[in-house]
Amino acid sequence: MNKYTLRFKSQKIEDEYQQSRVHTISIPVFKFGSACLFIIATLKLILVAQENNIGVMPVLIVCQIFSILSFIFLVFKMHKINIQLIFLAYLLIAYELIIKTDTNAQALSLMQSNFTICGVIIILISEFRESVLIIVTTFFFRIIYVMMQETNKSYVIYSTTIILMCFMCYFSYKFNILFRARFLLSQYDYMWESVFPKIVDNPYLIFTFNEDKLEFVLKSQSKIPFECNNTQQLKEFLRDWHLNQDSLENTLYQLYQNEDISEFHSKKIEIVKDKKAKQYIHYSMMKSLSSTFIIKFDDSVIKVEDCKILLQKTFKKQEHLRMKLIKSIYKNLHVSLNLRQLNNLWSIRNSCMKQIMNSKILKQQLKIESFDIKNFLYLNDYFAYKFNKLTFYNPQNEDIMTIAIQLKRLLFEILEATFQQGQVYVEVWERTTIIQYEGKEIMCQKDPVLKLVWSTLVERVEMQNNIWVLQLCREPCVNFTNKQTSK
């Protein structure tokens, strides 16, 4: 905030402050003042017309026109409320000077007090710059007006008036600082609700305490494992859960009343419900215009009964999958034995082998090693039923840098995709490994493990004359945090 103009450095906050101030205090007071000015000016105009006092009628008519135009501007939202407040202050001074001429001495003192109060109210609801302008111009106008009317100059009174004018400017400055600080504090309360969801992933509740109703009021919640969408459900939660035999609601209320607690208080506690469910929570309280409470749940709120139900469902699901697998194996074995088809047995064995390799890949740490690819010649035995063959060409007997279990999984998939009686040709030359086969394209999108193997080992793939050609990376693409090399 600028210490001279008292404007916020953020234009967004300044606009929000102006909107808040205009709609909460400036416009309501201005409407009331303009309406009163219009009624008084109309009544005075009727009296002046009866007395045939034409000299004061122009000012009264201007007051009426100003009031009417002000309401029109407010209805069509064309108002500049700060400027209109300045004109209202000047009109009140003009009206005061007119009434002095035809008001008896007894009522004059009361009338001047009323206009002084009206002027102070306008100063208080105006922005700092406008209030200073009103104070300086009206005080100097009054001094000049009195000096022109007096024959004997009262310089002490003039000096006192100037001192009072400076004090009024200082008072307006301090008052506007406090008003803007109060607005910032209310915005700070709102930030808890708007910013907290963006920085915290845990389930949480945000609520405040209403002193008028003596109750906690829900503001927002996220990802909580129970139903809490309104204030009533919040009350039920705070009353059902206890800390040291005392309800959570009463515990937080005592914290709210404790004057020894600092502006911000936070603590992790264990709460209990019905002596069956336990839950760790982290609560925070911030004292400001309205005390804001935040409860962050560290673990899921699950009852003992709920755990049993969850475990039963898990067991049932696992049993269902196990029986489904057994039935599938039984069906294939039954068909193979009856029809004397051994290919299905080979296929079942290879499917099981792939799952075993997938499990090892997921469990083992990625280990890059120098490996002789000819060690995989035994894979031919798994595909003898298709008469597929794995052939190696490595004239320099080079070892390759690879992850053995992943390379085994890749070659296994290639042999399975190769056409009947096909050949998989693997060439190693100057640390570059090329694999060629004739068969189906390998689709790894549906198999996460195969997709991982592909991204780690395969540099590029293309089809040449109906033959798939894969070039492996000279060294597997492994994140350096998981990389482990051995020779």
Protein backbone atom coordinates (compact mmCIF):
# COMPACT_ATOMS: atom_id res chain seq x y z
CA MET A 1 0.00 0.00 0.00
CA ASN A 2 1.34 3.42 -0.96
CA LYS A 3 1.88 5.40 2.25
CA TYR A 4 0.97 8.72 0.61
CA THR A 5 -2.06 7.94 -1.58
CA LEU A 6 -3.13 4.89 0.47
CA ARG A 7 -3.75 2.89 -2.69
CA PHE A 8 -2.93 -0.82 -2.84
CA LYS A 9 -0.05 -1.71 -5.13
CA SER A 10 -2.12 -4.52 -6.61
CA GLN A 11 -4.76 -3.07 -8.90
CA LYS A 12 -6.95 -6.14 -8.42
CA ILE A 13 -7.02 -5.70 -4.63
CA GLU A 14 -7.64 -1.97 -5.05
CA ASP A 15 -10.64 -2.63 -7.32
CA GLU A 16 -12.05 -5.20 -4.87
CA TYR A 17 -11.61 -2.74 -2.01
CA GLN A 18 -13.38 0.05 -3.91
CA GLN A 19 -16.27 -2.25 -4.79
CA SER A 20 -16.58 -3.37 -1.18
CA ARG A 21 -16.47 0.15 0.24
CA VAL A 22 -18.81 1.68 -2.32
CA HIS A 23 -21.54 -0.94 -1.92
CA THR A 24 -21.34 -1.35 1.87
CA ILE A 25 -21.15 2.27 3.05
CA SER A 26 -20.69 4.97 0.40
CA ILE A 27 -23.79 4.38 -1.74
CA PRO A 28 -26.22 3.73 1.16
CA VAL A 29 -25.14 6.91 2.98
CA PHE A 30 -25.14 8.92 -0.26
CA LYS A 31 -28.69 7.75 -1.10
CA PHE A 32 -29.93 8.77 2.33
CA GLY A 33 -28.18 12.16 2.20
CA SER A 34 -29.41 12.95 -1.32
CA ALA A 35 -32.97 11.97 -0.42
CA CYS A 36 -32.93 14.16 2.69
CA LEU A 37 -31.45 17.06 0.70
CA PHE A 38 -34.17 16.71 -1.95
CA ILE A 39 -37.00 16.67 0.63
CA ILE A 40 -35.61 19.61 2.63
CA ALA A 41 -34.89 21.63 -0.53
CA THR A 42 -38.42 20.98 -1.84
CA LEU A 43 -40.05 22.07 1.41
CA LYS A 44 -37.82 25.12 1.59
CA LEU A 45 -38.61 25.97 -2.03
CA ILE A 46 -42.33 25.92 -1.27
CA LEU A 47 -41.84 28.28 1.70
CA VAL A 48 -39.59 30.59 -0.33
CA ALA A 49 -42.13 30.70 -3.16
CA GLN A 50 -44.87 31.70 -0.72
CA GLU A 51 -42.65 34.43 0.71
CA ASN A 52 -41.69 35.51 -2.83
CA ASN A 53 -37.97 35.31 -1.92
CA ILE A 54 -36.55 34.71 -5.39
CA GLY A 55 -32.89 35.23 -4.40
CA VAL A 56 -32.40 31.81 -2.79
CA MET A 57 -34.46 29.80 -5.25
CA PRO A 58 -31.58 28.97 -7.74
CA VAL A 59 -29.55 27.13 -5.08
CA LEU A 60 -32.61 25.15 -3.96
CA ILE A 61 -33.39 24.17 -7.56
CA VAL A 62 -29.75 23.06 -8.06
CA CYS A 63 -30.06 20.87 -4.92
CA GLN A 64 -33.18 19.23 -6.35
CA ILE A 65 -31.60 18.65 -9.77
CA PHE A 66 -28.47 17.20 -8.16
CA SER A 67 -30.53 14.76 -6.07
CA ILE A 68 -32.58 13.60 -9.05
CA LEU A 69 -29.53 13.14 -11.30
CA SER A 70 -27.73 11.27 -8.52
CA PHE A 71 -30.51 8.69 -8.27
CA ILE A 72 -30.63 8.34 -12.07
CA PHE A 73 -26.87 7.71 -12.17
CA LEU A 74 -27.18 5.14 -9.39
CA VAL A 75 -30.00 3.29 -11.15
CA PHE A 76 -28.06 3.06 -14.43
CA LYS A 77 -24.74 2.42 -12.63
CA MET A 78 -23.13 5.49 -14.20
CA HIS A 79 -22.16 6.95 -10.86
CA LYS A 80 -18.78 8.25 -9.73
CA ILE A 81 -19.59 8.11 -6.06
CA ASN A 82 -16.45 9.87 -4.80
CA ILE A 83 -17.03 12.88 -7.06
CA GLN A 84 -20.72 13.00 -6.18
CA LEU A 85 -19.84 13.05 -2.47
CA ILE A 86 -17.65 16.12 -3.09
CA PHE A 87 -20.53 17.95 -4.81
CA LEU A 88 -22.91 16.92 -2.01
CA ALA A 89 -20.54 18.45 0.56
CA TYR A 90 -20.37 21.71 -1.42
CA LEU A 91 -24.16 21.85 -1.82
CA LEU A 92 -24.63 21.42 1.92
CA ILE A 93 -22.34 24.41 2.52
CA ALA A 94 -24.27 26.52 -0.02
CA TYR A 95 -27.59 25.47 1.52
CA GLU A 96 -26.29 26.31 5.00
CA LEU A 97 -25.31 29.83 3.91
CA ILE A 98 -28.74 30.41 2.38
CA ILE A 99 -30.66 29.31 5.47
CA LYS A 100 -28.55 31.61 7.66
CA THR A 101 -30.18 34.61 6.02
CA ASP A 102 -33.72 33.73 7.07
CA THR A 103 -33.25 31.64 10.22
CA ASN A 104 -33.71 32.98 13.74
CA ALA A 105 -30.76 32.99 16.14
CA GLN A 106 -32.24 30.31 18.39
CA ALA A 107 -32.45 27.68 15.62
CA LEU A 108 -29.24 28.77 13.88
CA SER A 109 -26.94 27.05 16.39
CA LEU A 110 -28.80 23.73 16.07
CA MET A 111 -28.83 24.00 12.28
CA GLN A 112 -25.07 24.62 12.12
CA SER A 113 -24.46 21.58 14.34
CA ASN A 114 -26.53 19.42 11.98
CA PHE A 115 -24.62 20.57 8.92
CA THR A 116 -21.29 20.03 10.70
CA ILE A 117 -22.27 16.42 11.48
CA CYS A 118 -23.32 15.88 7.86
CA GLY A 119 -19.98 17.22 6.68
CA VAL A 120 -18.04 14.90 9.02
CA ILE A 121 -20.05 11.89 7.80
CA ILE A 122 -19.23 12.71 4.16
CA ILE A 123 -15.54 13.02 5.06
CA LEU A 124 -15.55 9.64 6.82
CA ILE A 125 -17.17 7.72 3.94
CA SER A 126 -15.01 9.39 1.27
CA GLU A 127 -11.66 8.12 0.00
CA PHE A 128 -8.57 9.70 1.53
CA ARG A 129 -7.78 11.97 -1.43
CA GLU A 130 -11.38 13.15 -1.78
CA SER A 131 -11.74 13.66 1.97
CA VAL A 132 -8.58 15.85 2.07
CA LEU A 133 -9.94 17.88 -0.86
CA ILE A 134 -13.27 18.39 0.93
CA ILE A 135 -11.58 19.34 4.23
CA VAL A 136 -9.13 21.83 2.73
CA THR A 137 -11.56 23.53 0.34
CA THR A 138 -14.46 23.80 2.79
CA PHE A 139 -12.30 25.09 5.66
CA PHE A 140 -10.57 27.69 3.49
CA PHE A 141 -13.91 28.71 2.01
CA ARG A 142 -15.34 29.25 5.49
CA ILE A 143 -12.26 31.24 6.57
CA ILE A 144 -12.43 33.46 3.48
CA TYR A 145 -16.19 33.89 3.84
CA VAL A 146 -15.88 34.92 7.50
CA MET A 147 -13.00 37.31 6.75
CA MET A 148 -15.10 39.02 4.09
CA GLN A 149 -18.04 39.40 6.49
CA GLU A 150 -16.08 40.60 9.55
CA THR A 151 -14.84 44.10 10.10
CA ASN A 152 -12.56 43.15 13.01
CA LYS A 153 -10.37 40.21 11.97
CA SER A 154 -10.11 37.28 14.44
CA TYR A 155 -6.72 35.87 13.48
CA VAL A 156 -6.57 33.54 16.49
CA ILE A 157 -9.77 31.85 15.33
CA TYR A 158 -8.41 31.65 11.77
CA SER A 159 -5.22 29.98 13.02
CA THR A 160 -7.21 27.59 15.21
CA THR A 161 -9.35 26.66 12.21
CA ILE A 162 -6.26 25.89 10.11
CA ILE A 163 -4.83 23.72 12.91
CA LEU A 164 -8.17 21.89 13.16
CA MET A 165 -8.13 21.44 9.36
CA CYS A 166 -4.68 19.79 9.54
CA PHE A 167 -5.86 17.55 12.38
CA MET A 168 -8.90 16.50 10.34
CA CYS A 169 -6.62 15.59 7.41
CA TYR A 170 -4.43 13.53 9.76
CA PHE A 171 -7.50 11.85 11.26
CA SER A 172 -8.81 10.97 7.78
CA TYR A 173 -5.40 9.53 6.89
CA LYS A 174 -5.35 7.25 9.94
CA PHE A 175 -9.00 6.29 9.56
CA ASN A 176 -8.50 5.21 5.94
CA ILE A 177 -5.38 3.19 6.89
CA LEU A 178 -7.42 1.30 9.49
CA PHE A 179 -10.29 0.78 7.05
CA ARG A 180 -7.98 -0.62 4.37
CA ALA A 181 -6.12 -2.79 6.91
CA ARG A 182 -9.45 -4.26 7.99
CA PHE A 183 -10.23 -5.08 4.37
CA LEU A 184 -6.86 -6.81 3.95
CA LEU A 185 -7.53 -8.84 7.08
CA SER A 186 -10.87 -9.99 5.69
CA GLN A 187 -9.11 -10.94 2.45
CA TYR A 188 -6.56 -12.91 4.47
CA ASP A 189 -9.42 -14.92 5.96
CA TYR A 190 -10.69 -15.62 2.47
CA MET A 191 -7.24 -16.77 1.33
CA TRP A 192 -7.47 -19.74 3.68
CA GLU A 193 -10.45 -20.94 1.68
CA SER A 194 -9.11 -20.13 -1.80
CA VAL A 195 -5.39 -20.97 -1.54
CA PHE A 196 -5.46 -23.97 0.80
CA PRO A 197 -7.08 -26.37 -1.72
CA LYS A 198 -4.32 -25.58 -4.24
CA ILE A 199 -1.41 -26.46 -1.95
CA VAL A 200 -2.78 -29.39 0.07
CA ASP A 201 -3.75 -32.80 -1.32
CA ASN A 202 -4.89 -34.35 1.96
CA PRO A 203 -8.58 -34.38 2.92
CA TYR A 204 -9.49 -31.29 4.94
CA LEU A 205 -12.28 -29.19 6.47
CA ILE A 206 -12.32 -25.38 6.70
CA PHE A 207 -14.83 -23.71 9.02
CA THR A 208 -15.25 -20.58 11.16
CA PHE A 209 -16.96 -19.73 14.44
CA ASN A 210 -20.06 -17.53 14.37
CA GLU A 211 -20.21 -15.53 17.59
CA ASP A 212 -23.81 -14.41 17.03
CA LYS A 213 -25.16 -17.97 16.68
CA LEU A 214 -22.43 -19.58 18.81
CA GLU A 215 -21.79 -22.32 16.26
CA PHE A 216 -19.15 -23.52 13.83
CA VAL A 217 -19.97 -22.74 10.19
CA LEU A 218 -18.65 -24.86 7.32
CA LYS A 219 -16.74 -22.96 4.60
CA SER A 220 -15.26 -25.68 2.39
CA GLN A 221 -14.10 -29.29 2.35
CA SER A 222 -12.21 -31.61 0.03
CA LYS A 223 -11.78 -35.37 -0.37
CA ILE A 224 -13.05 -36.20 3.10
CA PRO A 225 -14.07 -39.87 3.45
CA PHE A 226 -17.47 -39.08 5.00
CA GLU A 227 -20.41 -36.86 4.14
CA CYS A 228 -19.96 -33.25 5.26
CA ASN A 229 -21.57 -30.81 2.84
CA ASN A 230 -23.22 -28.36 5.23
CA THR A 231 -22.96 -26.87 8.73
CA GLN A 232 -25.29 -29.45 10.28
CA GLN A 233 -23.13 -32.35 9.09
CA LEU A 234 -20.06 -30.51 10.39
CA LYS A 235 -21.70 -30.30 13.82
CA GLU A 236 -22.39 -34.04 13.77
CA PHE A 237 -18.74 -34.76 12.99
CA LEU A 238 -17.44 -32.45 15.73
CA ARG A 239 -19.83 -33.96 18.29
CA ASP A 240 -19.32 -37.62 17.37
CA TRP A 241 -15.52 -37.54 17.63
CA HIS A 242 -13.82 -37.01 20.99
CA LEU A 243 -10.48 -36.02 22.46
CA ASN A 244 -9.86 -37.16 26.04
CA GLN A 245 -13.55 -37.87 26.71
CA ASP A 246 -14.49 -34.39 25.47
CA SER A 247 -16.18 -33.72 22.11
CA LEU A 248 -14.08 -32.17 19.38
CA GLU A 249 -16.62 -29.34 19.17
CA ASN A 250 -16.15 -28.41 22.82
CA THR A 251 -12.36 -28.75 22.52
CA LEU A 252 -12.19 -26.29 19.62
CA TYR A 253 -14.60 -23.90 21.33
CA GLN A 254 -12.37 -23.81 24.42
CA LEU A 255 -9.41 -23.04 22.15
CA TYR A 256 -11.41 -20.21 20.63
CA GLN A 257 -12.12 -18.72 24.07
CA ASN A 258 -8.55 -19.16 25.31
CA GLU A 259 -7.00 -15.68 25.21
CA ASP A 260 -3.52 -17.02 25.99
CA ILE A 261 -3.29 -18.76 22.59
CA SER A 262 -1.33 -16.82 20.00
CA GLU A 263 -2.69 -15.55 16.70
CA PHE A 264 -1.91 -18.89 15.05
CA HIS A 265 -2.19 -22.25 16.77
CA SER A 266 -1.65 -25.71 15.30
CA LYS A 267 -1.41 -29.23 16.70
CA LYS A 268 -1.66 -32.90 15.74
CA ILE A 269 -4.03 -35.00 17.86
CA GLU A 270 -5.70 -38.42 17.94
CA ILE A 271 -9.49 -38.43 18.09
CA VAL A 272 -11.79 -41.37 18.90
CA LYS A 273 -15.34 -42.30 17.96
CA ASP A 274 -17.44 -44.85 19.90
CA LYS A 275 -14.18 -46.35 21.25
CA LYS A 276 -13.89 -48.27 17.98
CA ALA A 277 -12.50 -45.90 15.39
CA LYS A 278 -9.34 -43.82 15.80
CA GLN A 279 -8.09 -41.04 13.58
CA TYR A 280 -5.10 -38.71 13.54
CA ILE A 281 -5.92 -35.14 12.53
CA HIS A 282 -3.90 -31.96 12.28
CA TYR A 283 -5.94 -28.91 13.30
CA SER A 284 -4.97 -25.25 12.88
CA MET A 285 -6.65 -22.11 14.17
CA MET A 286 -6.03 -18.56 13.02
CA LYS A 287 -7.48 -15.73 15.07
CA SER A 288 -8.49 -12.70 13.02
CA LEU A 289 -11.82 -11.03 12.19
CA SER A 290 -13.44 -14.46 12.24
CA SER A 291 -11.46 -17.32 13.70
CA THR A 292 -10.76 -19.83 10.96
CA PHE A 293 -10.26 -23.51 11.72
CA ILE A 294 -8.68 -26.10 9.46
CA ILE A 295 -8.75 -29.83 10.11
CA LYS A 296 -6.41 -31.87 7.91
CA PHE A 297 -6.85 -35.64 7.93
CA ASP A 298 -3.58 -37.58 7.90
CA ASP A 299 -5.20 -40.99 7.37
CA SER A 300 -8.52 -42.22 6.08
CA VAL A 301 -11.33 -42.34 8.61
CA ILE A 302 -12.24 -46.05 8.57
CA LYS A 303 -14.09 -47.94 11.27
CA VAL A 304 -13.04 -51.40 12.41
CA GLU A 305 -16.22 -52.82 10.87
CA ASP A 306 -15.45 -51.02 7.62
CA CYS A 307 -11.98 -52.62 7.56
CA LYS A 308 -13.49 -56.07 7.91
CA ILE A 309 -15.94 -55.41 5.09
CA LEU A 310 -13.14 -54.06 2.90
CA LEU A 311 -10.94 -57.11 3.55
CA GLN A 312 -13.84 -59.47 2.84
CA LYS A 313 -14.46 -57.76 -0.50
CA THR A 314 -10.73 -58.00 -1.34
CA PHE A 315 -10.63 -61.71 -0.52
CA LYS A 316 -13.73 -62.36 -2.59
CA LYS A 317 -12.25 -60.52 -5.55
CA GLN A 318 -8.96 -62.44 -5.31
CA GLU A 319 -10.84 -65.73 -5.01
CA HIS A 320 -12.91 -64.87 -8.06
CA LEU A 321 -9.78 -64.09 -10.12
CA ARG A 322 -8.07 -67.27 -8.91
CA MET A 323 -11.06 -69.43 -9.87
CA LYS A 324 -11.33 -67.69 -13.22
CA LEU A 325 -7.66 -68.50 -13.94
CA ILE A 326 -8.08 -72.15 -12.85
CA LYS A 327 -11.18 -72.56 -15.02
CA SER A 328 -9.35 -71.09 -18.02
CA ILE A 329 -6.36 -73.44 -17.55
CA TYR A 330 -8.72 -76.43 -17.02
CA LYS A 331 -10.68 -75.62 -20.18
CA ASN A 332 -7.54 -75.44 -22.32
CA LEU A 333 -6.09 -78.60 -20.81
CA HIS A 334 -9.38 -80.45 -21.31
CA VAL A 335 -9.61 -79.45 -24.98
CA SER A 336 -5.93 -80.29 -25.62
CA LEU A 337 -6.17 -83.75 -24.04
CA ASN A 338 -9.38 -84.69 -25.81
CA LEU A 339 -8.22 -83.52 -29.23
CA ARG A 340 -4.60 -84.52 -28.69
CA GLN A 341 -3.50 -80.94 -29.47
CA LEU A 342 -0.28 -80.09 -27.69
CA ASN A 343 -0.03 -76.56 -29.11
CA ASN A 344 -2.48 -75.28 -26.51
CA LEU A 345 -0.28 -76.67 -23.74
CA TRP A 346 2.74 -74.92 -25.19
CA SER A 347 0.74 -71.70 -25.42
CA ILE A 348 -0.38 -71.98 -21.80
CA ARG A 349 3.18 -72.59 -20.63
CA ASN A 350 4.46 -69.58 -22.59
CA SER A 351 1.71 -67.34 -21.20
CA CYS A 352 2.66 -68.34 -17.68
CA MET A 353 6.31 -67.74 -18.51
CA LYS A 354 5.54 -64.20 -19.69
CA GLN A 355 3.73 -63.41 -16.44
CA ILE A 356 6.70 -64.71 -14.45
CA MET A 357 9.07 -62.48 -16.41
CA ASN A 358 6.72 -59.48 -15.98
CA SER A 359 6.73 -60.02 -12.24
CA LYS A 360 10.54 -60.15 -12.12
CA ILE A 361 10.84 -56.97 -14.21
CA LEU A 362 8.54 -55.08 -11.85
CA LYS A 363 10.22 -56.34 -8.69
CA GLN A 364 13.90 -56.22 -9.63
CA GLN A 365 15.99 -53.06 -9.73
CA LEU A 366 17.02 -52.07 -13.24
CA LYS A 367 20.49 -53.54 -13.62
CA ILE A 368 22.55 -52.77 -16.72
CA GLU A 369 25.18 -55.43 -17.39
CA SER A 370 27.56 -56.69 -20.05
CA PHE A 371 25.80 -59.74 -21.47
CA ASP A 372 26.46 -62.44 -24.08
CA ILE A 373 23.27 -62.60 -26.12
CA LYS A 374 23.94 -66.21 -27.15
CA ASN A 375 22.90 -67.21 -23.65
CA PHE A 376 19.32 -66.86 -24.88
CA LEU A 377 19.55 -69.74 -27.38
CA TYR A 378 17.52 -71.89 -25.00
CA LEU A 379 14.46 -69.75 -25.83
CA ASN A 380 14.15 -71.84 -29.00
CA ASP A 381 12.87 -74.68 -26.82
CA TYR A 382 9.80 -72.65 -25.85
CA PHE A 383 8.73 -72.28 -29.49
CA ALA A 384 9.66 -75.66 -30.89
CA TYR A 385 5.95 -76.36 -31.41
CA LYS A 386 5.88 -73.52 -33.98
CA PHE A 387 9.25 -74.50 -35.42
CA ASN A 388 10.45 -70.95 -34.84
CA LYS A 389 14.14 -70.42 -34.40
CA LEU A 390 16.36 -67.77 -32.82
CA THR A 391 19.61 -67.25 -34.78
CA PHE A 392 22.54 -65.06 -33.72
CA TYR A 393 25.29 -63.48 -35.83
CA ASN A 394 28.11 -62.12 -33.66
CA PRO A 395 31.43 -62.54 -35.54
CA GLN A 396 33.46 -60.61 -32.96
CA ASN A 397 31.83 -62.32 -29.96
CA GLU A 398 30.89 -58.93 -28.49
CA ASP A 399 28.96 -58.57 -25.28
CA ILE A 400 26.15 -56.00 -25.29
CA MET A 401 25.14 -53.59 -22.56
CA THR A 402 21.56 -54.48 -21.64
CA ILE A 403 19.10 -55.44 -18.92
CA ALA A 404 19.01 -59.24 -19.26
CA ILE A 405 15.50 -59.93 -17.97
CA GLN A 406 14.00 -57.19 -20.17
CA LEU A 407 15.87 -58.41 -23.27
CA LYS A 408 14.63 -61.93 -22.57
CA ARG A 409 11.05 -60.62 -22.36
CA LEU A 410 11.47 -58.75 -25.66
CA LEU A 411 12.89 -61.78 -27.53
CA PHE A 412 10.12 -63.94 -26.07
CA GLU A 413 7.49 -61.53 -27.46
CA ILE A 414 9.21 -61.43 -30.87
CA LEU A 415 9.32 -65.23 -31.12
CA GLU A 416 5.63 -65.35 -30.26
CA ALA A 417 4.80 -62.78 -32.96
CA THR A 418 6.87 -64.57 -35.61
CA PHE A 419 4.96 -66.56 -38.21
CA GLN A 420 4.93 -70.37 -38.13
CA GLN A 421 8.35 -71.86 -39.01
CA GLY A 422 9.80 -68.36 -39.00
CA GLN A 423 13.27 -67.26 -38.02
CA VAL A 424 14.37 -64.43 -35.72
CA TYR A 425 17.74 -63.13 -36.83
CA VAL A 426 19.86 -61.21 -34.27
CA GLU A 427 23.01 -59.45 -35.46
CA VAL A 428 25.59 -57.83 -33.18
CA TRP A 429 28.16 -55.63 -34.84
CA GLU A 430 30.26 -52.92 -33.22
CA ARG A 431 27.99 -52.74 -30.18
CA THR A 432 24.91 -52.28 -32.39
CA THR A 433 22.18 -54.93 -32.12
CA ILE A 434 19.72 -55.50 -34.97
CA ILE A 435 16.77 -57.91 -34.70
CA GLN A 436 14.84 -59.02 -37.81
CA TYR A 437 11.74 -61.19 -38.03
CA GLU A 438 8.80 -61.84 -40.31
CA GLY A 439 5.51 -61.81 -38.48
CA LYS A 440 2.93 -59.66 -36.75
CA GLU A 441 3.59 -56.16 -35.42
CA ILE A 442 4.20 -56.09 -31.67
CA MET A 443 1.49 -54.02 -29.95
CA CYS A 444 2.77 -53.06 -26.51
CA GLN A 445 0.15 -50.46 -25.56
CA LYS A 446 -2.04 -52.95 -23.68
CA ASP A 447 0.83 -54.47 -21.69
CA PRO A 448 2.47 -51.93 -19.31
CA VAL A 449 5.51 -54.14 -18.69
CA LEU A 450 6.11 -54.74 -22.39
CA LYS A 451 5.69 -51.00 -22.99
CA LEU A 452 8.38 -50.33 -20.36
CA VAL A 453 10.72 -52.88 -21.98
CA TRP A 454 10.13 -51.37 -25.42
CA SER A 455 10.87 -47.80 -24.30
CA THR A 456 14.00 -48.96 -22.44
CA LEU A 457 15.63 -51.19 -25.06
CA VAL A 458 14.30 -50.34 -28.54
CA GLU A 459 15.75 -47.32 -30.31
CA ARG A 460 13.77 -47.58 -33.56
CA VAL A 461 11.64 -50.03 -35.55
CA GLU A 462 10.68 -50.18 -39.22
CA MET A 463 9.45 -52.62 -41.86
CA GLN A 464 11.70 -53.48 -44.81
CA ASN A 465 10.41 -55.86 -47.53
CA ASN A 466 7.76 -57.34 -45.20
CA ILE A 467 10.36 -57.91 -42.49
CA TRP A 468 10.31 -56.07 -39.18
CA VAL A 469 13.68 -54.55 -38.25
CA LEU A 470 14.36 -53.45 -34.66
CA GLN A 471 17.50 -51.59 -33.64
CA LEU A 472 18.28 -51.75 -29.95
CA CYS A 473 19.86 -48.96 -27.95
CA ARG A 474 23.59 -49.31 -27.38
CA GLU A 475 22.80 -48.84 -23.74
CA PRO A 476 19.32 -49.06 -22.17
CA CYS A 477 17.48 -45.78 -21.58
CA VAL A 478 17.23 -45.86 -17.79
CA ASN A 479 16.53 -42.97 -15.43
CA PHE A 480 19.78 -42.17 -13.62
CA THR A 481 18.06 -42.52 -10.23
CA ASN A 482 17.33 -46.20 -10.97
CA LYS A 483 20.50 -46.95 -12.87
CA GLN A 484 22.82 -49.65 -11.57
CA THR A 485 25.73 -50.92 -13.65
CA SER A 486 27.69 -54.13 -13.20
CA LYS A 487 30.33 -55.82 -15.24
